[in-house]
Amino acid sequence: MTNTSHKRDKLYNRDYYLWLEETAQLLKDRNLEKLDVVNLVEEIQDMGRSEKRAIESNLVVLFLHLLKYKYQPDKSWKSTIREHRRRLKKAFEDSPSLKGYFVAVFKECYLDGREQAADETGLPLATFPIESPFTSEETLNPNYLPE
């Protein structure tokens, strides 16, 4: 490790925000030889993982509230359903390739939402179907509510 890259690595660990600012400036200036490439690559990979975690988190919460809406008489879950649909829509507008990830984790997220719905409602887990009663289209449709 060169002295410059060692300094950048130390900066990354000491002051993350300053490291971001300096890295952005180095990129703008096309001063690529001074970049902390190791940490930059790691950050870019982490950003992708973070986007995927956000899809999963929003989808689980969406399933949770769709199930609560369907199986509990209290219909107050609409605003949370709307909010998480909005978040997913925005994520897909910003990164259309995440739609494929949404499809890939759909079943897993439904099962997680199903478990949370049982926990939060106090209803037996068997109350909620093992397979999602909602299609991926219904799940994202801003006008769909399960009745």
N, C-alpha and C. Protein backbone atom coordinates (compact mmCIF):
# COMPACT_ATOMS: atom_id res chain seq x y z
N MET A 1 0.86 -1.18 0.00
CA MET A 1 0.00 0.00 0.00
C MET A 1 0.90 1.23 0.00
N THR A 2 0.61 2.14 -0.94
CA THR A 2 1.40 3.36 -0.99
C THR A 2 1.04 4.26 0.17
N ASN A 3 1.90 5.23 0.42
CA ASN A 3 1.68 6.17 1.52
C ASN A 3 0.36 6.93 1.33
N THR A 4 0.07 7.36 0.07
CA THR A 4 -1.15 8.11 -0.21
C THR A 4 -2.38 7.24 0.03
N SER A 5 -2.36 6.00 -0.47
CA SER A 5 -3.53 5.13 -0.28
C SER A 5 -3.69 4.76 1.19
N HIS A 6 -2.57 4.66 1.92
CA HIS A 6 -2.65 4.40 3.35
C HIS A 6 -3.32 5.57 4.07
N LYS A 7 -2.96 6.82 3.68
CA LYS A 7 -3.59 8.01 4.27
C LYS A 7 -5.08 8.03 3.98
N ARG A 8 -5.47 7.68 2.75
CA ARG A 8 -6.88 7.65 2.36
C ARG A 8 -7.63 6.59 3.18
N ASP A 9 -7.02 5.43 3.36
CA ASP A 9 -7.65 4.37 4.15
C ASP A 9 -7.84 4.83 5.58
N LYS A 10 -6.86 5.52 6.13
CA LYS A 10 -6.99 6.05 7.49
C LYS A 10 -8.10 7.10 7.55
N LEU A 11 -8.18 7.95 6.51
CA LEU A 11 -9.23 8.95 6.47
C LEU A 11 -10.59 8.28 6.41
N TYR A 12 -10.71 7.24 5.63
CA TYR A 12 -11.96 6.49 5.52
C TYR A 12 -12.43 6.01 6.89
N ASN A 13 -11.51 5.51 7.67
CA ASN A 13 -11.84 4.99 9.00
C ASN A 13 -12.00 6.09 10.05
N ARG A 14 -11.41 7.24 9.81
CA ARG A 14 -11.43 8.33 10.80
C ARG A 14 -12.58 9.31 10.58
N ASP A 15 -12.84 9.66 9.30
CA ASP A 15 -13.86 10.66 9.00
C ASP A 15 -14.51 10.29 7.67
N TYR A 16 -15.54 9.48 7.75
CA TYR A 16 -16.20 8.93 6.56
C TYR A 16 -16.73 10.03 5.65
N TYR A 17 -17.39 11.03 6.22
CA TYR A 17 -17.97 12.09 5.41
C TYR A 17 -16.88 12.85 4.64
N LEU A 18 -15.79 13.17 5.33
CA LEU A 18 -14.69 13.86 4.67
C LEU A 18 -14.10 12.98 3.57
N TRP A 19 -13.99 11.68 3.83
CA TRP A 19 -13.50 10.74 2.81
C TRP A 19 -14.41 10.79 1.58
N LEU A 20 -15.73 10.81 1.80
CA LEU A 20 -16.67 10.90 0.67
C LEU A 20 -16.45 12.18 -0.13
N GLU A 21 -16.33 13.30 0.59
CA GLU A 21 -16.14 14.58 -0.08
C GLU A 21 -14.85 14.58 -0.89
N GLU A 22 -13.77 14.11 -0.31
CA GLU A 22 -12.49 14.08 -1.02
C GLU A 22 -12.52 13.11 -2.20
N THR A 23 -13.18 11.98 -2.02
CA THR A 23 -13.28 11.00 -3.10
C THR A 23 -14.07 11.59 -4.27
N ALA A 24 -15.17 12.26 -3.98
CA ALA A 24 -15.97 12.90 -5.02
C ALA A 24 -15.14 13.94 -5.76
N GLN A 25 -14.38 14.72 -5.03
CA GLN A 25 -13.54 15.76 -5.67
C GLN A 25 -12.46 15.12 -6.54
N LEU A 26 -11.83 14.06 -6.04
CA LEU A 26 -10.81 13.37 -6.84
C LEU A 26 -11.41 12.83 -8.14
N LEU A 27 -12.62 12.30 -8.07
CA LEU A 27 -13.29 11.80 -9.27
C LEU A 27 -13.62 12.95 -10.22
N LYS A 28 -14.13 14.05 -9.69
CA LYS A 28 -14.44 15.22 -10.53
C LYS A 28 -13.19 15.72 -11.23
N ASP A 29 -12.08 15.74 -10.50
CA ASP A 29 -10.81 16.23 -11.05
C ASP A 29 -10.12 15.18 -11.92
N ARG A 30 -10.70 13.99 -11.99
CA ARG A 30 -10.11 12.85 -12.72
C ARG A 30 -8.71 12.54 -12.19
N ASN A 31 -8.54 12.72 -10.91
CA ASN A 31 -7.27 12.44 -10.23
C ASN A 31 -7.34 11.00 -9.70
N LEU A 32 -7.39 10.07 -10.62
CA LEU A 32 -7.68 8.68 -10.30
C LEU A 32 -6.56 7.98 -9.52
N GLU A 33 -5.34 8.41 -9.72
CA GLU A 33 -4.22 7.74 -9.03
C GLU A 33 -4.26 7.97 -7.52
N LYS A 34 -4.96 8.98 -7.05
CA LYS A 34 -5.03 9.26 -5.61
C LYS A 34 -6.27 8.65 -4.95
N LEU A 35 -7.10 7.98 -5.75
CA LEU A 35 -8.31 7.39 -5.19
C LEU A 35 -8.00 6.23 -4.25
N ASP A 36 -8.81 6.11 -3.23
CA ASP A 36 -8.79 4.96 -2.32
C ASP A 36 -9.70 3.91 -2.94
N VAL A 37 -9.18 3.19 -3.91
CA VAL A 37 -9.96 2.29 -4.74
C VAL A 37 -10.58 1.16 -3.92
N VAL A 38 -9.84 0.60 -3.00
CA VAL A 38 -10.34 -0.53 -2.20
C VAL A 38 -11.62 -0.14 -1.47
N ASN A 39 -11.58 0.98 -0.75
CA ASN A 39 -12.76 1.40 0.00
C ASN A 39 -13.86 1.93 -0.92
N LEU A 40 -13.50 2.53 -2.05
CA LEU A 40 -14.49 3.01 -3.00
C LEU A 40 -15.29 1.83 -3.58
N VAL A 41 -14.60 0.79 -3.98
CA VAL A 41 -15.28 -0.41 -4.51
C VAL A 41 -16.19 -1.00 -3.44
N GLU A 42 -15.71 -1.09 -2.23
CA GLU A 42 -16.53 -1.64 -1.14
C GLU A 42 -17.79 -0.80 -0.92
N GLU A 43 -17.65 0.52 -0.97
CA GLU A 43 -18.80 1.41 -0.79
C GLU A 43 -19.82 1.23 -1.91
N ILE A 44 -19.36 1.10 -3.12
CA ILE A 44 -20.28 0.92 -4.25
C ILE A 44 -21.03 -0.40 -4.11
N GLN A 45 -20.33 -1.45 -3.72
CA GLN A 45 -20.98 -2.74 -3.50
C GLN A 45 -21.99 -2.65 -2.36
N ASP A 46 -21.64 -1.94 -1.29
CA ASP A 46 -22.56 -1.77 -0.17
C ASP A 46 -23.81 -1.01 -0.58
N MET A 47 -23.65 -0.04 -1.48
CA MET A 47 -24.81 0.71 -1.95
C MET A 47 -25.81 -0.22 -2.64
N GLY A 48 -25.32 -1.14 -3.42
CA GLY A 48 -26.19 -2.11 -4.09
C GLY A 48 -26.90 -3.00 -3.09
N ARG A 49 -26.17 -3.45 -2.09
CA ARG A 49 -26.78 -4.29 -1.05
C ARG A 49 -27.83 -3.50 -0.28
N SER A 50 -27.56 -2.25 -0.03
CA SER A 50 -28.50 -1.40 0.69
C SER A 50 -29.79 -1.23 -0.09
N GLU A 51 -29.68 -1.04 -1.39
CA GLU A 51 -30.87 -0.91 -2.23
C GLU A 51 -31.70 -2.19 -2.18
N LYS A 52 -31.04 -3.33 -2.22
CA LYS A 52 -31.75 -4.60 -2.15
C LYS A 52 -32.43 -4.78 -0.80
N ARG A 53 -31.75 -4.42 0.28
CA ARG A 53 -32.35 -4.53 1.62
C ARG A 53 -33.58 -3.63 1.74
N ALA A 54 -33.53 -2.47 1.10
CA ALA A 54 -34.68 -1.56 1.14
C ALA A 54 -35.88 -2.18 0.41
N ILE A 55 -35.62 -2.84 -0.72
CA ILE A 55 -36.71 -3.52 -1.44
C ILE A 55 -37.33 -4.58 -0.53
N GLU A 56 -36.48 -5.40 0.09
CA GLU A 56 -36.98 -6.45 0.98
C GLU A 56 -37.77 -5.88 2.14
N SER A 57 -37.23 -4.88 2.79
CA SER A 57 -37.87 -4.29 3.95
C SER A 57 -39.24 -3.70 3.60
N ASN A 58 -39.29 -2.93 2.53
CA ASN A 58 -40.56 -2.34 2.11
C ASN A 58 -41.57 -3.39 1.68
N LEU A 59 -41.11 -4.43 1.04
CA LEU A 59 -42.01 -5.49 0.59
C LEU A 59 -42.56 -6.27 1.78
N VAL A 60 -41.74 -6.58 2.76
CA VAL A 60 -42.22 -7.29 3.96
C VAL A 60 -43.28 -6.45 4.68
N VAL A 61 -43.02 -5.17 4.85
CA VAL A 61 -43.98 -4.29 5.53
C VAL A 61 -45.26 -4.19 4.70
N LEU A 62 -45.13 -4.12 3.40
CA LEU A 62 -46.31 -4.07 2.53
C LEU A 62 -47.15 -5.33 2.69
N PHE A 63 -46.51 -6.49 2.66
CA PHE A 63 -47.24 -7.74 2.87
C PHE A 63 -47.90 -7.77 4.25
N LEU A 64 -47.16 -7.38 5.26
CA LEU A 64 -47.69 -7.35 6.62
C LEU A 64 -48.99 -6.57 6.66
N HIS A 65 -48.99 -5.38 6.08
CA HIS A 65 -50.18 -4.54 6.17
C HIS A 65 -51.29 -4.95 5.20
N LEU A 66 -50.94 -5.55 4.07
CA LEU A 66 -51.98 -6.12 3.20
C LEU A 66 -52.70 -7.25 3.93
N LEU A 67 -51.94 -8.09 4.62
CA LEU A 67 -52.55 -9.19 5.37
C LEU A 67 -53.39 -8.67 6.54
N LYS A 68 -52.87 -7.68 7.24
CA LYS A 68 -53.64 -7.10 8.34
C LYS A 68 -54.92 -6.47 7.80
N TYR A 69 -54.84 -5.81 6.67
CA TYR A 69 -56.01 -5.20 6.06
C TYR A 69 -57.05 -6.27 5.73
N LYS A 70 -56.59 -7.39 5.20
CA LYS A 70 -57.49 -8.47 4.78
C LYS A 70 -58.08 -9.24 5.95
N TYR A 71 -57.30 -9.48 7.01
CA TYR A 71 -57.72 -10.39 8.07
C TYR A 71 -58.14 -9.72 9.36
N GLN A 72 -58.01 -8.42 9.46
CA GLN A 72 -58.49 -7.71 10.64
C GLN A 72 -59.53 -6.69 10.21
N PRO A 73 -60.58 -6.56 10.98
CA PRO A 73 -61.64 -5.63 10.59
C PRO A 73 -61.18 -4.17 10.54
N ASP A 74 -60.16 -3.81 11.27
CA ASP A 74 -59.67 -2.43 11.28
C ASP A 74 -58.98 -2.15 9.94
N LYS A 75 -59.53 -1.21 9.21
CA LYS A 75 -59.01 -0.90 7.87
C LYS A 75 -58.05 0.29 7.89
N SER A 76 -57.40 0.52 9.00
CA SER A 76 -56.53 1.69 9.12
C SER A 76 -55.14 1.48 8.53
N TRP A 77 -54.93 0.37 7.87
CA TRP A 77 -53.59 0.06 7.36
C TRP A 77 -53.34 0.70 6.00
N LYS A 78 -54.32 1.38 5.45
CA LYS A 78 -54.21 1.92 4.09
C LYS A 78 -53.04 2.87 3.91
N SER A 79 -52.79 3.73 4.88
CA SER A 79 -51.71 4.71 4.67
C SER A 79 -50.34 4.03 4.65
N THR A 80 -50.16 3.00 5.45
CA THR A 80 -48.87 2.28 5.43
C THR A 80 -48.73 1.51 4.12
N ILE A 81 -49.82 0.92 3.65
CA ILE A 81 -49.79 0.23 2.36
C ILE A 81 -49.40 1.22 1.26
N ARG A 82 -50.04 2.38 1.26
CA ARG A 82 -49.75 3.41 0.25
C ARG A 82 -48.28 3.86 0.34
N GLU A 83 -47.80 4.08 1.55
CA GLU A 83 -46.42 4.56 1.74
C GLU A 83 -45.39 3.57 1.21
N HIS A 84 -45.57 2.30 1.51
CA HIS A 84 -44.57 1.31 1.08
C HIS A 84 -44.68 1.00 -0.41
N ARG A 85 -45.86 1.11 -0.96
CA ARG A 85 -45.98 1.03 -2.42
C ARG A 85 -45.25 2.20 -3.06
N ARG A 86 -45.41 3.39 -2.49
CA ARG A 86 -44.74 4.57 -3.02
C ARG A 86 -43.23 4.40 -2.98
N ARG A 87 -42.72 3.88 -1.88
CA ARG A 87 -41.27 3.66 -1.75
C ARG A 87 -40.76 2.68 -2.80
N LEU A 88 -41.51 1.59 -2.99
CA LEU A 88 -41.10 0.61 -4.00
C LEU A 88 -41.17 1.21 -5.40
N LYS A 89 -42.23 1.94 -5.69
CA LYS A 89 -42.37 2.59 -7.00
C LYS A 89 -41.18 3.51 -7.26
N LYS A 90 -40.83 4.30 -6.28
CA LYS A 90 -39.70 5.23 -6.41
C LYS A 90 -38.39 4.46 -6.64
N ALA A 91 -38.19 3.38 -5.89
CA ALA A 91 -36.98 2.57 -6.06
C ALA A 91 -36.90 2.01 -7.47
N PHE A 92 -38.03 1.56 -8.03
CA PHE A 92 -38.04 1.01 -9.38
C PHE A 92 -37.86 2.10 -10.43
N GLU A 93 -38.33 3.31 -10.15
CA GLU A 93 -38.10 4.42 -11.08
C GLU A 93 -36.62 4.79 -11.11
N ASP A 94 -36.00 4.81 -9.93
CA ASP A 94 -34.58 5.16 -9.84
C ASP A 94 -33.68 4.05 -10.37
N SER A 95 -34.08 2.80 -10.14
CA SER A 95 -33.26 1.65 -10.53
C SER A 95 -34.17 0.55 -11.07
N PRO A 96 -34.56 0.63 -12.34
CA PRO A 96 -35.47 -0.36 -12.91
C PRO A 96 -34.99 -1.81 -12.78
N SER A 97 -33.69 -2.02 -12.72
CA SER A 97 -33.18 -3.38 -12.61
C SER A 97 -33.55 -4.03 -11.28
N LEU A 98 -33.94 -3.23 -10.28
CA LEU A 98 -34.35 -3.80 -8.99
C LEU A 98 -35.68 -4.54 -9.08
N LYS A 99 -36.43 -4.34 -10.15
CA LYS A 99 -37.71 -5.04 -10.32
C LYS A 99 -37.47 -6.55 -10.39
N GLY A 100 -36.37 -6.95 -11.03
CA GLY A 100 -36.02 -8.37 -11.08
C GLY A 100 -35.73 -8.92 -9.69
N TYR A 101 -35.09 -8.13 -8.86
CA TYR A 101 -34.80 -8.55 -7.49
C TYR A 101 -36.11 -8.68 -6.70
N PHE A 102 -37.03 -7.75 -6.91
CA PHE A 102 -38.36 -7.80 -6.29
C PHE A 102 -39.03 -9.14 -6.59
N VAL A 103 -39.00 -9.54 -7.85
CA VAL A 103 -39.60 -10.81 -8.26
C VAL A 103 -38.89 -11.99 -7.58
N ALA A 104 -37.57 -11.91 -7.51
CA ALA A 104 -36.78 -13.00 -6.93
C ALA A 104 -37.04 -13.20 -5.43
N VAL A 105 -37.32 -12.12 -4.71
CA VAL A 105 -37.50 -12.24 -3.25
C VAL A 105 -38.98 -12.18 -2.84
N PHE A 106 -39.87 -12.14 -3.80
CA PHE A 106 -41.30 -11.98 -3.53
C PHE A 106 -41.82 -13.03 -2.54
N LYS A 107 -41.57 -14.31 -2.81
CA LYS A 107 -42.08 -15.39 -1.95
C LYS A 107 -41.47 -15.32 -0.55
N GLU A 108 -40.16 -15.13 -0.50
CA GLU A 108 -39.47 -15.05 0.80
C GLU A 108 -40.01 -13.89 1.64
N CYS A 109 -40.20 -12.75 1.01
CA CYS A 109 -40.71 -11.58 1.73
C CYS A 109 -42.14 -11.79 2.17
N TYR A 110 -42.93 -12.48 1.34
CA TYR A 110 -44.31 -12.78 1.76
C TYR A 110 -44.29 -13.63 3.03
N LEU A 111 -43.46 -14.65 3.06
CA LEU A 111 -43.40 -15.52 4.24
C LEU A 111 -42.98 -14.75 5.48
N ASP A 112 -42.04 -13.82 5.32
CA ASP A 112 -41.63 -12.97 6.45
C ASP A 112 -42.79 -12.07 6.89
N GLY A 113 -43.49 -11.48 5.92
CA GLY A 113 -44.63 -10.63 6.24
C GLY A 113 -45.75 -11.43 6.89
N ARG A 114 -45.93 -12.66 6.45
CA ARG A 114 -46.93 -13.57 7.02
C ARG A 114 -46.64 -13.81 8.50
N GLU A 115 -45.37 -14.11 8.81
CA GLU A 115 -44.99 -14.35 10.21
C GLU A 115 -45.21 -13.10 11.06
N GLN A 116 -44.84 -11.95 10.52
CA GLN A 116 -45.03 -10.71 11.26
C GLN A 116 -46.51 -10.41 11.46
N ALA A 117 -47.32 -10.72 10.46
CA ALA A 117 -48.76 -10.49 10.58
C ALA A 117 -49.34 -11.35 11.71
N ALA A 118 -48.89 -12.59 11.80
CA ALA A 118 -49.35 -13.45 12.90
C ALA A 118 -48.91 -12.89 14.24
N ASP A 119 -47.67 -12.43 14.32
CA ASP A 119 -47.16 -11.85 15.56
C ASP A 119 -47.95 -10.61 15.96
N GLU A 120 -48.19 -9.72 15.00
CA GLU A 120 -48.83 -8.45 15.32
C GLU A 120 -50.33 -8.55 15.54
N THR A 121 -50.99 -9.50 14.87
CA THR A 121 -52.44 -9.61 15.02
C THR A 121 -52.84 -10.55 16.15
N GLY A 122 -51.93 -11.45 16.53
CA GLY A 122 -52.27 -12.46 17.51
C GLY A 122 -53.06 -13.60 16.90
N LEU A 123 -53.30 -13.56 15.61
CA LEU A 123 -53.99 -14.65 14.92
C LEU A 123 -53.02 -15.80 14.69
N PRO A 124 -53.51 -17.02 14.65
CA PRO A 124 -52.61 -18.16 14.36
C PRO A 124 -51.97 -18.01 12.99
N LEU A 125 -50.73 -18.44 12.87
CA LEU A 125 -50.01 -18.37 11.60
C LEU A 125 -50.81 -19.06 10.49
N ALA A 126 -51.50 -20.13 10.83
CA ALA A 126 -52.29 -20.88 9.84
C ALA A 126 -53.43 -20.04 9.25
N THR A 127 -53.78 -18.94 9.88
CA THR A 127 -54.82 -18.04 9.35
C THR A 127 -54.41 -17.50 7.98
N PHE A 128 -53.12 -17.29 7.83
CA PHE A 128 -52.60 -16.66 6.62
C PHE A 128 -52.09 -17.74 5.66
N PRO A 129 -52.49 -17.65 4.39
CA PRO A 129 -52.07 -18.67 3.42
C PRO A 129 -50.55 -18.78 3.31
N ILE A 130 -50.09 -19.98 3.04
CA ILE A 130 -48.65 -20.21 2.86
C ILE A 130 -48.17 -19.54 1.58
N GLU A 131 -48.99 -19.58 0.53
CA GLU A 131 -48.67 -18.89 -0.72
C GLU A 131 -49.32 -17.52 -0.68
N SER A 132 -48.67 -16.54 -1.22
CA SER A 132 -49.21 -15.18 -1.23
C SER A 132 -50.56 -15.14 -1.93
N PRO A 133 -51.56 -14.57 -1.27
CA PRO A 133 -52.85 -14.41 -1.93
C PRO A 133 -52.84 -13.21 -2.90
N PHE A 134 -51.73 -12.49 -2.94
CA PHE A 134 -51.59 -11.31 -3.78
C PHE A 134 -50.57 -11.59 -4.87
N THR A 135 -50.91 -11.21 -6.09
CA THR A 135 -49.93 -11.31 -7.17
C THR A 135 -48.94 -10.15 -7.02
N SER A 136 -47.85 -10.22 -7.74
CA SER A 136 -46.89 -9.12 -7.68
C SER A 136 -47.53 -7.84 -8.22
N GLU A 137 -48.39 -7.97 -9.22
CA GLU A 137 -49.07 -6.80 -9.77
C GLU A 137 -50.02 -6.19 -8.74
N GLU A 138 -50.80 -7.03 -8.06
CA GLU A 138 -51.72 -6.53 -7.03
C GLU A 138 -50.95 -5.87 -5.89
N THR A 139 -49.84 -6.47 -5.53
CA THR A 139 -49.04 -5.96 -4.42
C THR A 139 -48.59 -4.53 -4.69
N LEU A 140 -48.25 -4.23 -5.92
CA LEU A 140 -47.75 -2.90 -6.27
C LEU A 140 -48.85 -1.94 -6.76
N ASN A 141 -50.02 -2.47 -7.08
CA ASN A 141 -51.11 -1.66 -7.64
C ASN A 141 -51.64 -0.68 -6.62
N PRO A 142 -51.52 0.63 -6.85
CA PRO A 142 -51.96 1.61 -5.87
C PRO A 142 -53.46 1.61 -5.61
N ASN A 143 -54.24 0.97 -6.50
CA ASN A 143 -55.69 0.93 -6.33
C ASN A 143 -56.20 -0.39 -5.76
N TYR A 144 -55.30 -1.34 -5.56
CA TYR A 144 -55.73 -2.65 -5.07
C TYR A 144 -55.70 -2.69 -3.53
N LEU A 145 -56.80 -3.16 -2.97
CA LEU A 145 -56.87 -3.48 -1.54
C LEU A 145 -57.59 -4.81 -1.42
N PRO A 146 -57.06 -5.71 -0.62
CA PRO A 146 -57.72 -7.03 -0.49
C PRO A 146 -59.01 -6.91 0.32
N GLU A 147 -60.03 -7.53 -0.17
CA GLU A 147 -61.31 -7.51 0.54
C GLU A 147 -61.67 -8.89 1.00
